[in-house]
Amino acid sequence: GCAPCTSKVDPGEDERAGRWRGFDKVECGIHFENGRAV
């Protein structure tokens, strides 16, 4: 994704573990459930 919020993934990690590492966040917000970011 964006450079500041994307990091490399270690072997055995989930492939999206490198997105927003350290944040309680797994989606950027363009995909919603009931109008809210997942």
Full PDB file with SEQRES, HELIX, SHEET, SSBOND, CRYST1, ORIGX, SCALE, CONECT and MASTER records, all heavy atoms in Angstrom:
SEQRES   1 A   38  GLY CYS ALA PRO CYS THR SER LYS VAL ASP PRO GLY GLU          
SEQRES   2 A   38  ASP GLU ARG ALA GLY ARG TRP ARG GLY PHE ASP LYS VAL          
SEQRES   3 A   38  GLU CYS GLY ILE HIS PHE GLU ASN GLY ARG ALA VAL              
HELIX    1 AA1 ALA A    3  CYS A    5  5                                   3    
SHEET    1 AA1 2 PHE A  32  GLU A  33  0                                        
SHEET    2 AA1 2 ARG A  36  ALA A  37 -1                                        
CRYST1    1.000    1.000    1.000  90.00  90.00  90.00 P 1           1          
ORIGX1      1.000000  0.000000  0.000000        0.00000                         
ORIGX2      0.000000  1.000000  0.000000        0.00000                         
ORIGX3      0.000000  0.000000  1.000000        0.00000                         
SCALE1      1.000000  0.000000  0.000000        0.00000                         
SCALE2      0.000000  1.000000  0.000000        0.00000                         
SCALE3      0.000000  0.000000  1.000000        0.00000                         
ATOM      1  N   GLY A   1       0.832  -1.192   0.000  1.00  0.00           N  
ATOM      2  CA  GLY A   1       0.000   0.000   0.000  1.00  0.00           C  
ATOM      3  C   GLY A   1       0.865   1.239   0.000  1.00  0.00           C  
ATOM      4  O   GLY A   1       1.843   1.325  -0.742  1.00  0.00           O  
ATOM      5  N   CYS A   2       0.524   2.198   0.848  1.00  0.00           N  
ATOM      6  CA  CYS A   2       1.319   3.421   0.953  1.00  0.00           C  
ATOM      7  C   CYS A   2       2.648   3.111   1.642  1.00  0.00           C  
ATOM      8  O   CYS A   2       2.723   2.285   2.561  1.00  0.00           O  
ATOM      9  CB  CYS A   2       0.558   4.478   1.738  1.00  0.00           C  
ATOM     10  SG  CYS A   2      -0.909   5.099   0.896  1.00  0.00           S  
ATOM     11  N   ALA A   3       3.694   3.805   1.225  1.00  0.00           N  
ATOM     12  CA  ALA A   3       5.033   3.528   1.737  1.00  0.00           C  
ATOM     13  C   ALA A   3       5.161   3.681   3.257  1.00  0.00           C  
ATOM     14  O   ALA A   3       5.753   2.823   3.912  1.00  0.00           O  
ATOM     15  CB  ALA A   3       6.052   4.412   1.017  1.00  0.00           C  
ATOM     16  N   PRO A   4       4.619   4.756   3.880  1.00  0.00           N  
ATOM     17  CA  PRO A   4       4.812   4.910   5.319  1.00  0.00           C  
ATOM     18  C   PRO A   4       4.119   3.837   6.157  1.00  0.00           C  
ATOM     19  O   PRO A   4       4.523   3.598   7.301  1.00  0.00           O  
ATOM     20  CB  PRO A   4       4.203   6.289   5.613  1.00  0.00           C  
ATOM     21  CG  PRO A   4       4.160   6.991   4.308  1.00  0.00           C  
ATOM     22  CD  PRO A   4       3.916   5.927   3.300  1.00  0.00           C  
ATOM     23  N   CYS A   5       3.082   3.198   5.591  1.00  0.00           N  
ATOM     24  CA  CYS A   5       2.277   2.251   6.370  1.00  0.00           C  
ATOM     25  C   CYS A   5       2.400   0.822   5.859  1.00  0.00           C  
ATOM     26  O   CYS A   5       1.543  -0.021   6.147  1.00  0.00           O  
ATOM     27  CB  CYS A   5       0.810   2.682   6.368  1.00  0.00           C  
ATOM     28  SG  CYS A   5       0.532   4.310   7.099  1.00  0.00           S  
ATOM     29  N   THR A   6       3.447   0.538   5.099  1.00  0.00           N  
ATOM     30  CA  THR A   6       3.678  -0.808   4.576  1.00  0.00           C  
ATOM     31  C   THR A   6       5.074  -1.253   4.975  1.00  0.00           C  
ATOM     32  O   THR A   6       6.043  -0.528   4.774  1.00  0.00           O  
ATOM     33  CB  THR A   6       3.563  -0.837   3.039  1.00  0.00           C  
ATOM     34  OG1 THR A   6       2.272  -0.363   2.647  1.00  0.00           O  
ATOM     35  CG2 THR A   6       3.747  -2.248   2.511  1.00  0.00           C  
ATOM     36  N   SER A   7       5.169  -2.465   5.534  1.00  0.00           N  
ATOM     37  CA  SER A   7       6.463  -3.011   5.926  1.00  0.00           C  
ATOM     38  C   SER A   7       6.617  -4.420   5.371  1.00  0.00           C  
ATOM     39  O   SER A   7       5.658  -5.040   4.918  1.00  0.00           O  
ATOM     40  CB  SER A   7       6.600  -3.026   7.454  1.00  0.00           C  
ATOM     41  OG  SER A   7       5.565  -3.796   8.047  1.00  0.00           O  
ATOM     42  N   LYS A   8       7.825  -4.934   5.416  1.00  0.00           N  
ATOM     43  CA  LYS A   8       8.099  -6.280   4.945  1.00  0.00           C  
ATOM     44  C   LYS A   8       7.452  -7.302   5.870  1.00  0.00           C  
ATOM     45  O   LYS A   8       7.193  -7.018   7.049  1.00  0.00           O  
ATOM     46  CB  LYS A   8       9.604  -6.512   4.860  1.00  0.00           C  
ATOM     47  CG  LYS A   8      10.309  -5.590   3.873  1.00  0.00           C  
ATOM     48  CD  LYS A   8      11.804  -5.847   3.848  1.00  0.00           C  
ATOM     49  CE  LYS A   8      12.501  -4.891   2.883  1.00  0.00           C  
ATOM     50  NZ  LYS A   8      13.967  -5.116   2.836  1.00  0.00           N  
ATOM     51  N   VAL A   9       7.202  -8.485   5.336  1.00  0.00           N  
ATOM     52  CA  VAL A   9       6.555  -9.551   6.090  1.00  0.00           C  
ATOM     53  C   VAL A   9       7.564 -10.660   6.336  1.00  0.00           C  
ATOM     54  O   VAL A   9       8.252 -11.103   5.419  1.00  0.00           O  
ATOM     55  CB  VAL A   9       5.328 -10.095   5.325  1.00  0.00           C  
ATOM     56  CG1 VAL A   9       4.738 -11.293   6.030  1.00  0.00           C  
ATOM     57  CG2 VAL A   9       4.280  -8.997   5.172  1.00  0.00           C  
ATOM     58  N   ASP A  10       7.644 -11.121   7.572  1.00  0.00           N  
ATOM     59  CA  ASP A  10       8.564 -12.195   7.922  1.00  0.00           C  
ATOM     60  C   ASP A  10       7.992 -13.551   7.513  1.00  0.00           C  
ATOM     61  O   ASP A  10       6.768 -13.706   7.386  1.00  0.00           O  
ATOM     62  CB  ASP A  10       8.821 -12.203   9.430  1.00  0.00           C  
ATOM     63  CG  ASP A  10       9.588 -10.966   9.894  1.00  0.00           C  
ATOM     64  OD1 ASP A  10      10.417 -10.462   9.109  1.00  0.00           O  
ATOM     65  OD2 ASP A  10       9.335 -10.508  11.030  1.00  0.00           O  
ATOM     66  N   PRO A  11       8.836 -14.546   7.284  1.00  0.00           N  
ATOM     67  CA  PRO A  11       8.344 -15.891   6.958  1.00  0.00           C  
ATOM     68  C   PRO A  11       7.375 -16.399   8.019  1.00  0.00           C  
ATOM     69  O   PRO A  11       7.633 -16.295   9.218  1.00  0.00           O  
ATOM     70  CB  PRO A  11       9.634 -16.728   6.942  1.00  0.00           C  
ATOM     71  CG  PRO A  11      10.716 -15.762   6.615  1.00  0.00           C  
ATOM     72  CD  PRO A  11      10.311 -14.477   7.284  1.00  0.00           C  
ATOM     73  N   GLY A  12       6.234 -16.916   7.556  1.00  0.00           N  
ATOM     74  CA  GLY A  12       5.223 -17.435   8.470  1.00  0.00           C  
ATOM     75  C   GLY A  12       4.181 -16.423   8.892  1.00  0.00           C  
ATOM     76  O   GLY A  12       3.145 -16.791   9.451  1.00  0.00           O  
ATOM     77  N   GLU A  13       4.428 -15.134   8.627  1.00  0.00           N  
ATOM     78  CA  GLU A  13       3.448 -14.104   8.962  1.00  0.00           C  
ATOM     79  C   GLU A  13       2.333 -14.070   7.929  1.00  0.00           C  
ATOM     80  O   GLU A  13       2.533 -14.423   6.763  1.00  0.00           O  
ATOM     81  CB  GLU A  13       4.106 -12.716   9.007  1.00  0.00           C  
ATOM     82  CG  GLU A  13       4.781 -12.370  10.296  1.00  0.00           C  
ATOM     83  CD  GLU A  13       5.103 -10.877  10.377  1.00  0.00           C  
ATOM     84  OE1 GLU A  13       5.827 -10.380   9.501  1.00  0.00           O  
ATOM     85  OE2 GLU A  13       4.631 -10.226  11.312  1.00  0.00           O  
ATOM     86  N   ASP A  14       1.154 -13.612   8.352  1.00  0.00           N  
ATOM     87  CA  ASP A  14       0.069 -13.354   7.415  1.00  0.00           C  
ATOM     88  C   ASP A  14       0.530 -12.309   6.418  1.00  0.00           C  
ATOM     89  O   ASP A  14       1.266 -11.377   6.755  1.00  0.00           O  
ATOM     90  CB  ASP A  14      -1.164 -12.848   8.173  1.00  0.00           C  
ATOM     91  CG  ASP A  14      -2.344 -12.610   7.259  1.00  0.00           C  
ATOM     92  OD1 ASP A  14      -2.455 -11.483   6.734  1.00  0.00           O  
ATOM     93  OD2 ASP A  14      -3.145 -13.531   7.060  1.00  0.00           O  
ATOM     94  N   GLU A  15       0.099 -12.448   5.149  1.00  0.00           N  
ATOM     95  CA  GLU A  15       0.605 -11.549   4.109  1.00  0.00           C  
ATOM     96  C   GLU A  15       0.189 -10.099   4.323  1.00  0.00           C  
ATOM     97  O   GLU A  15       0.851  -9.190   3.817  1.00  0.00           O  
ATOM     98  CB  GLU A  15       0.150 -12.021   2.734  1.00  0.00           C  
ATOM     99  CG  GLU A  15      -1.333 -11.941   2.469  1.00  0.00           C  
ATOM    100  CD  GLU A  15      -1.661 -12.269   1.025  1.00  0.00           C  
ATOM    101  OE1 GLU A  15      -0.890 -12.986   0.371  1.00  0.00           O  
ATOM    102  OE2 GLU A  15      -2.699 -11.795   0.554  1.00  0.00           O  
ATOM    103  N   ARG A  16      -0.869  -9.856   5.087  1.00  0.00           N  
ATOM    104  CA  ARG A  16      -1.272  -8.474   5.348  1.00  0.00           C  
ATOM    105  C   ARG A  16      -0.740  -7.944   6.677  1.00  0.00           C  
ATOM    106  O   ARG A  16      -1.098  -6.859   7.111  1.00  0.00           O  
ATOM    107  CB  ARG A  16      -2.801  -8.347   5.291  1.00  0.00           C  
ATOM    108  CG  ARG A  16      -3.341  -8.460   3.867  1.00  0.00           C  
ATOM    109  CD  ARG A  16      -4.859  -8.307   3.815  1.00  0.00           C  
ATOM    110  NE  ARG A  16      -5.327  -6.992   4.214  1.00  0.00           N  
ATOM    111  CZ  ARG A  16      -5.348  -5.928   3.411  1.00  0.00           C  
ATOM    112  NH1 ARG A  16      -4.906  -6.013   2.168  1.00  0.00           N  
ATOM    113  NH2 ARG A  16      -5.808  -4.771   3.852  1.00  0.00           N  
ATOM    114  N   ALA A  17       0.158  -8.715   7.315  1.00  0.00           N  
ATOM    115  CA  ALA A  17       0.726  -8.273   8.587  1.00  0.00           C  
ATOM    116  C   ALA A  17       1.574  -7.019   8.425  1.00  0.00           C  
ATOM    117  O   ALA A  17       1.785  -6.276   9.379  1.00  0.00           O  
ATOM    118  CB  ALA A  17       1.564  -9.397   9.199  1.00  0.00           C  
ATOM    119  N   GLY A  18       2.054  -6.796   7.216  1.00  0.00           N  
ATOM    120  CA  GLY A  18       2.883  -5.625   6.976  1.00  0.00           C  
ATOM    121  C   GLY A  18       2.121  -4.352   6.695  1.00  0.00           C  
ATOM    122  O   GLY A  18       2.723  -3.303   6.429  1.00  0.00           O  
ATOM    123  N   ARG A  19       0.808  -4.411   6.733  1.00  0.00           N  
ATOM    124  CA  ARG A  19      -0.015  -3.213   6.515  1.00  0.00           C  
ATOM    125  C   ARG A  19      -0.415  -2.617   7.861  1.00  0.00           C  
ATOM    126  O   ARG A  19      -0.988  -3.293   8.705  1.00  0.00           O  
ATOM    127  CB  ARG A  19      -1.260  -3.567   5.697  1.00  0.00           C  
ATOM    128  CG  ARG A  19      -0.965  -4.199   4.342  1.00  0.00           C  
ATOM    129  CD  ARG A  19      -0.341  -3.215   3.360  1.00  0.00           C  
ATOM    130  NE  ARG A  19      -1.276  -2.159   2.996  1.00  0.00           N  
ATOM    131  CZ  ARG A  19      -2.209  -2.291   2.040  1.00  0.00           C  
ATOM    132  NH1 ARG A  19      -2.328  -3.425   1.370  1.00  0.00           N  
ATOM    133  NH2 ARG A  19      -3.010  -1.289   1.751  1.00  0.00           N  
ATOM    134  N   TRP A  20      -0.098  -1.363   8.078  1.00  0.00           N  
ATOM    135  CA  TRP A  20      -0.409  -0.642   9.312  1.00  0.00           C  
ATOM    136  C   TRP A  20       0.103  -1.394  10.542  1.00  0.00           C  
ATOM    137  O   TRP A  20      -0.582  -1.539  11.548  1.00  0.00           O  
ATOM    138  CB  TRP A  20      -1.920  -0.401   9.439  1.00  0.00           C  
ATOM    139  CG  TRP A  20      -2.486   0.304   8.260  1.00  0.00           C  
ATOM    140  CD1 TRP A  20      -2.350   1.616   7.928  1.00  0.00           C  
ATOM    141  CD2 TRP A  20      -3.293  -0.280   7.214  1.00  0.00           C  
ATOM    142  NE1 TRP A  20      -3.002   1.882   6.757  1.00  0.00           N  
ATOM    143  CE2 TRP A  20      -3.599   0.757   6.296  1.00  0.00           C  
ATOM    144  CE3 TRP A  20      -3.793  -1.561   6.984  1.00  0.00           C  
ATOM    145  CZ2 TRP A  20      -4.359   0.529   5.165  1.00  0.00           C  
ATOM    146  CZ3 TRP A  20      -4.551  -1.787   5.854  1.00  0.00           C  
ATOM    147  CH2 TRP A  20      -4.823  -0.749   4.952  1.00  0.00           C  
ATOM    148  N   ARG A  21       1.329  -1.876  10.449  1.00  0.00           N  
ATOM    149  CA  ARG A  21       1.909  -2.628  11.566  1.00  0.00           C  
ATOM    150  C   ARG A  21       1.928  -1.754  12.822  1.00  0.00           C  
ATOM    151  O   ARG A  21       2.369  -0.603  12.798  1.00  0.00           O  
ATOM    152  CB  ARG A  21       3.331  -3.078  11.209  1.00  0.00           C  
ATOM    153  CG  ARG A  21       3.897  -4.120  12.168  1.00  0.00           C  
ATOM    154  CD  ARG A  21       5.308  -4.504  11.768  1.00  0.00           C  
ATOM    155  NE  ARG A  21       5.361  -5.235  10.512  1.00  0.00           N  
ATOM    156  CZ  ARG A  21       5.170  -6.550  10.414  1.00  0.00           C  
ATOM    157  NH1 ARG A  21       4.867  -7.260  11.483  1.00  0.00           N  
ATOM    158  NH2 ARG A  21       5.273  -7.156   9.228  1.00  0.00           N  
ATOM    159  N   GLY A  22       1.447  -2.320  13.898  1.00  0.00           N  
ATOM    160  CA  GLY A  22       1.403  -1.591  15.162  1.00  0.00           C  
ATOM    161  C   GLY A  22       0.102  -0.855  15.401  1.00  0.00           C  
ATOM    162  O   GLY A  22      -0.119  -0.314  16.491  1.00  0.00           O  
ATOM    163  N   PHE A  23      -0.782  -0.820  14.391  1.00  0.00           N  
ATOM    164  CA  PHE A  23      -2.088  -0.179  14.533  1.00  0.00           C  
ATOM    165  C   PHE A  23      -3.187  -1.238  14.604  1.00  0.00           C  
ATOM    166  O   PHE A  23      -3.046  -2.320  14.034  1.00  0.00           O  
ATOM    167  CB  PHE A  23      -2.385   0.748  13.345  1.00  0.00           C  
ATOM    168  CG  PHE A  23      -1.581   2.015  13.323  1.00  0.00           C  
ATOM    169  CD1 PHE A  23      -0.328   2.045  12.735  1.00  0.00           C  
ATOM    170  CD2 PHE A  23      -2.071   3.179  13.898  1.00  0.00           C  
ATOM    171  CE1 PHE A  23       0.422   3.206  12.697  1.00  0.00           C  
ATOM    172  CE2 PHE A  23      -1.327   4.346  13.872  1.00  0.00           C  
ATOM    173  CZ  PHE A  23      -0.074   4.363  13.275  1.00  0.00           C  
ATOM    174  N   ASP A  24      -4.264  -0.926  15.284  1.00  0.00           N  
ATOM    175  CA  ASP A  24      -5.439  -1.789  15.302  1.00  0.00           C  
ATOM    176  C   ASP A  24      -6.243  -1.493  14.044  1.00  0.00           C  
ATOM    177  O   ASP A  24      -7.320  -0.899  14.080  1.00  0.00           O  
ATOM    178  CB  ASP A  24      -6.286  -1.521  16.549  1.00  0.00           C  
ATOM    179  CG  ASP A  24      -7.533  -2.393  16.596  1.00  0.00           C  
ATOM    180  OD1 ASP A  24      -7.527  -3.472  15.970  1.00  0.00           O  
ATOM    181  OD2 ASP A  24      -8.519  -1.977  17.239  1.00  0.00           O  
ATOM    182  N   LYS A  25      -5.701  -1.911  12.906  1.00  0.00           N  
ATOM    183  CA  LYS A  25      -6.264  -1.518  11.627  1.00  0.00           C  
ATOM    184  C   LYS A  25      -5.892  -2.567  10.590  1.00  0.00           C  
ATOM    185  O   LYS A  25      -4.729  -2.963  10.485  1.00  0.00           O  
ATOM    186  CB  LYS A  25      -5.703  -0.149  11.220  1.00  0.00           C  
ATOM    187  CG  LYS A  25      -6.186   0.433   9.900  1.00  0.00           C  
ATOM    188  CD  LYS A  25      -5.578   1.811   9.712  1.00  0.00           C  
ATOM    189  CE  LYS A  25      -5.904   2.395   8.341  1.00  0.00           C  
ATOM    190  NZ  LYS A  25      -7.333   2.693   8.180  1.00  0.00           N  
ATOM    191  N   VAL A  26      -6.884  -3.037   9.818  1.00  0.00           N  
ATOM    192  CA  VAL A  26      -6.616  -4.048   8.796  1.00  0.00           C  
ATOM    193  C   VAL A  26      -7.157  -3.665   7.429  1.00  0.00           C  
ATOM    194  O   VAL A  26      -6.934  -4.376   6.453  1.00  0.00           O  
ATOM    195  CB  VAL A  26      -7.193  -5.429   9.200  1.00  0.00           C  
ATOM    196  CG1 VAL A  26      -6.491  -5.955  10.436  1.00  0.00           C  
ATOM    197  CG2 VAL A  26      -8.701  -5.340   9.431  1.00  0.00           C  
ATOM    198  N   GLU A  27      -7.898  -2.561   7.334  1.00  0.00           N  
ATOM    199  CA  GLU A  27      -8.433  -2.091   6.062  1.00  0.00           C  
ATOM    200  C   GLU A  27      -8.230  -0.586   5.969  1.00  0.00           C  
ATOM    201  O   GLU A  27      -8.232   0.118   6.975  1.00  0.00           O  
ATOM    202  CB  GLU A  27      -9.931  -2.404   5.925  1.00  0.00           C  
ATOM    203  CG  GLU A  27     -10.263  -3.889   5.806  1.00  0.00           C  
ATOM    204  CD  GLU A  27     -10.027  -4.428   4.404  1.00  0.00           C  
ATOM    205  OE1 GLU A  27      -9.567  -3.663   3.532  1.00  0.00           O  
ATOM    206  OE2 GLU A  27     -10.297  -5.616   4.192  1.00  0.00           O  
ATOM    207  N   CYS A  28      -8.083  -0.081   4.741  1.00  0.00           N  
ATOM    208  CA  CYS A  28      -7.839   1.348   4.565  1.00  0.00           C  
ATOM    209  C   CYS A  28      -9.108   2.185   4.725  1.00  0.00           C  
ATOM    210  O   CYS A  28      -9.039   3.375   4.958  1.00  0.00           O  
ATOM    211  CB  CYS A  28      -7.227   1.614   3.193  1.00  0.00           C  
ATOM    212  SG  CYS A  28      -8.309   1.214   1.811  1.00  0.00           S  
ATOM    213  N   GLY A  29     -10.278   1.541   4.580  1.00  0.00           N  
ATOM    214  CA  GLY A  29     -11.522   2.282   4.724  1.00  0.00           C  
ATOM    215  C   GLY A  29     -12.367   2.299   3.475  1.00  0.00           C  
ATOM    216  O   GLY A  29     -13.528   2.683   3.526  1.00  0.00           O  
ATOM    217  N   ILE A  30     -11.809   1.891   2.321  1.00  0.00           N  
ATOM    218  CA  ILE A  30     -12.633   1.889   1.109  1.00  0.00           C  
ATOM    219  C   ILE A  30     -13.535   0.668   1.057  1.00  0.00           C  
ATOM    220  O   ILE A  30     -14.458   0.613   0.253  1.00  0.00           O  
ATOM    221  CB  ILE A  30     -11.780   1.975  -0.179  1.00  0.00           C  
ATOM    222  CG1 ILE A  30     -10.938   0.725  -0.386  1.00  0.00           C  
ATOM    223  CG2 ILE A  30     -10.908   3.216  -0.163  1.00  0.00           C  
ATOM    224  CD1 ILE A  30     -10.218   0.695  -1.727  1.00  0.00           C  
ATOM    225  N   HIS A  31     -13.262  -0.325   1.929  1.00  0.00           N  
ATOM    226  CA  HIS A  31     -14.151  -1.481   2.045  1.00  0.00           C  
ATOM    227  C   HIS A  31     -14.849  -1.393   3.393  1.00  0.00           C  
ATOM    228  O   HIS A  31     -14.213  -1.356   4.439  1.00  0.00           O  
ATOM    229  CB  HIS A  31     -13.365  -2.786   1.931  1.00  0.00           C  
ATOM    230  CG  HIS A  31     -12.626  -2.919   0.645  1.00  0.00           C  
ATOM    231  ND1 HIS A  31     -13.264  -2.987  -0.568  1.00  0.00           N  
ATOM    232  CD2 HIS A  31     -11.299  -2.954   0.378  1.00  0.00           C  
ATOM    233  CE1 HIS A  31     -12.369  -3.083  -1.532  1.00  0.00           C  
ATOM    234  NE2 HIS A  31     -11.164  -3.056  -0.985  1.00  0.00           N  
ATOM    235  N   PHE A  32     -16.164  -1.334   3.350  1.00  0.00           N  
ATOM    236  CA  PHE A  32     -16.949  -1.086   4.549  1.00  0.00           C  
ATOM    237  C   PHE A  32     -17.881  -2.238   4.862  1.00  0.00           C  
ATOM    238  O   PHE A  32     -18.314  -2.963   3.981  1.00  0.00           O  
ATOM    239  CB  PHE A  32     -17.790   0.185   4.390  1.00  0.00           C  
ATOM    240  CG  PHE A  32     -16.988   1.446   4.445  1.00  0.00           C  
ATOM    241  CD1 PHE A  32     -16.434   1.976   3.296  1.00  0.00           C  
ATOM    242  CD2 PHE A  32     -16.781   2.104   5.635  1.00  0.00           C  
ATOM    243  CE1 PHE A  32     -15.685   3.147   3.337  1.00  0.00           C  
ATOM    244  CE2 PHE A  32     -16.048   3.272   5.693  1.00  0.00           C  
ATOM    245  CZ  PHE A  32     -15.497   3.793   4.545  1.00  0.00           C  
ATOM    246  N   GLU A  33     -18.222  -2.355   6.144  1.00  0.00           N  
ATOM    247  CA  GLU A  33     -19.313  -3.197   6.599  1.00  0.00           C  
ATOM    248  C   GLU A  33     -20.263  -2.302   7.391  1.00  0.00           C  
ATOM    249  O   GLU A  33     -19.858  -1.687   8.375  1.00  0.00           O  
ATOM    250  CB  GLU A  33     -18.803  -4.342   7.495  1.00  0.00           C  
ATOM    251  CG  GLU A  33     -18.090  -5.426   6.722  1.00  0.00           C  
ATOM    252  CD  GLU A  33     -17.750  -6.615   7.609  1.00  0.00           C  
ATOM    253  OE1 GLU A  33     -17.939  -6.501   8.837  1.00  0.00           O  
ATOM    254  OE2 GLU A  33     -17.308  -7.637   7.080  1.00  0.00           O  
ATOM    255  N   ASN A  34     -21.486  -2.219   6.920  1.00  0.00           N  
ATOM    256  CA  ASN A  34     -22.481  -1.370   7.582  1.00  0.00           C  
ATOM    257  C   ASN A  34     -22.003   0.071   7.726  1.00  0.00           C  
ATOM    258  O   ASN A  34     -22.245   0.727   8.730  1.00  0.00           O  
ATOM    259  CB  ASN A  34     -22.840  -1.942   8.967  1.00  0.00           C  
ATOM    260  CG  ASN A  34     -23.387  -3.342   8.870  1.00  0.00           C  
ATOM    261  OD1 ASN A  34     -24.183  -3.640   7.977  1.00  0.00           O  
ATOM    262  ND2 ASN A  34     -22.989  -4.210   9.783  1.00  0.00           N  
ATOM    263  N   GLY A  35     -21.286   0.537   6.683  1.00  0.00           N  
ATOM    264  CA  GLY A  35     -20.875   1.934   6.657  1.00  0.00           C  
ATOM    265  C   GLY A  35     -19.677   2.263   7.510  1.00  0.00           C  
ATOM    266  O   GLY A  35     -19.341   3.425   7.676  1.00  0.00           O  
ATOM    267  N   ARG A  36     -18.995   1.234   8.067  1.00  0.00           N  
ATOM    268  CA  ARG A  36     -17.870   1.512   8.943  1.00  0.00           C  
ATOM    269  C   ARG A  36     -16.642   0.753   8.448  1.00  0.00           C  
ATOM    270  O   ARG A  36     -16.732  -0.325   7.889  1.00  0.00           O  
ATOM    271  CB  ARG A  36     -18.193   1.086  10.377  1.00  0.00           C  
ATOM    272  CG  ARG A  36     -19.478   1.726  10.895  1.00  0.00           C  
ATOM    273  CD  ARG A  36     -19.840   1.225  12.263  1.00  0.00           C  
ATOM    274  NE  ARG A  36     -18.954   1.777  13.286  1.00  0.00           N  
ATOM    275  CZ  ARG A  36     -19.123   1.552  14.586  1.00  0.00           C  
ATOM    276  NH1 ARG A  36     -20.104   0.783  15.005  1.00  0.00           N  
ATOM    277  NH2 ARG A  36     -18.294   2.074  15.457  1.00  0.00           N  
ATOM    278  N   ALA A  37     -15.473   1.326   8.702  1.00  0.00           N  
ATOM    279  CA  ALA A  37     -14.234   0.673   8.306  1.00  0.00           C  
ATOM    280  C   ALA A  37     -14.087  -0.645   9.033  1.00  0.00           C  
ATOM    281  O   ALA A  37     -14.379  -0.745  10.224  1.00  0.00           O  
ATOM    282  CB  ALA A  37     -13.049   1.586   8.610  1.00  0.00           C  
ATOM    283  N   VAL A  38     -13.632  -1.661   8.337  1.00  0.00           N  
ATOM    284  CA  VAL A  38     -13.522  -2.997   8.915  1.00  0.00           C  
ATOM    285  C   VAL A  38     -12.390  -3.066   9.911  1.00  0.00           C  
ATOM    286  O   VAL A  38     -11.320  -2.552   9.692  1.00  0.00           O  
ATOM    287  CB  VAL A  38     -13.294  -4.032   7.781  1.00  0.00           C  
ATOM    288  CG1 VAL A  38     -13.083  -5.427   8.360  1.00  0.00           C  
ATOM    289  CG2 VAL A  38     -14.471  -4.035   6.837  1.00  0.00           C  
TER     290      VAL A  38                                                      
MASTER        0    0    0    1    2    0    0    6  289    1    0    3          
END                                                                             
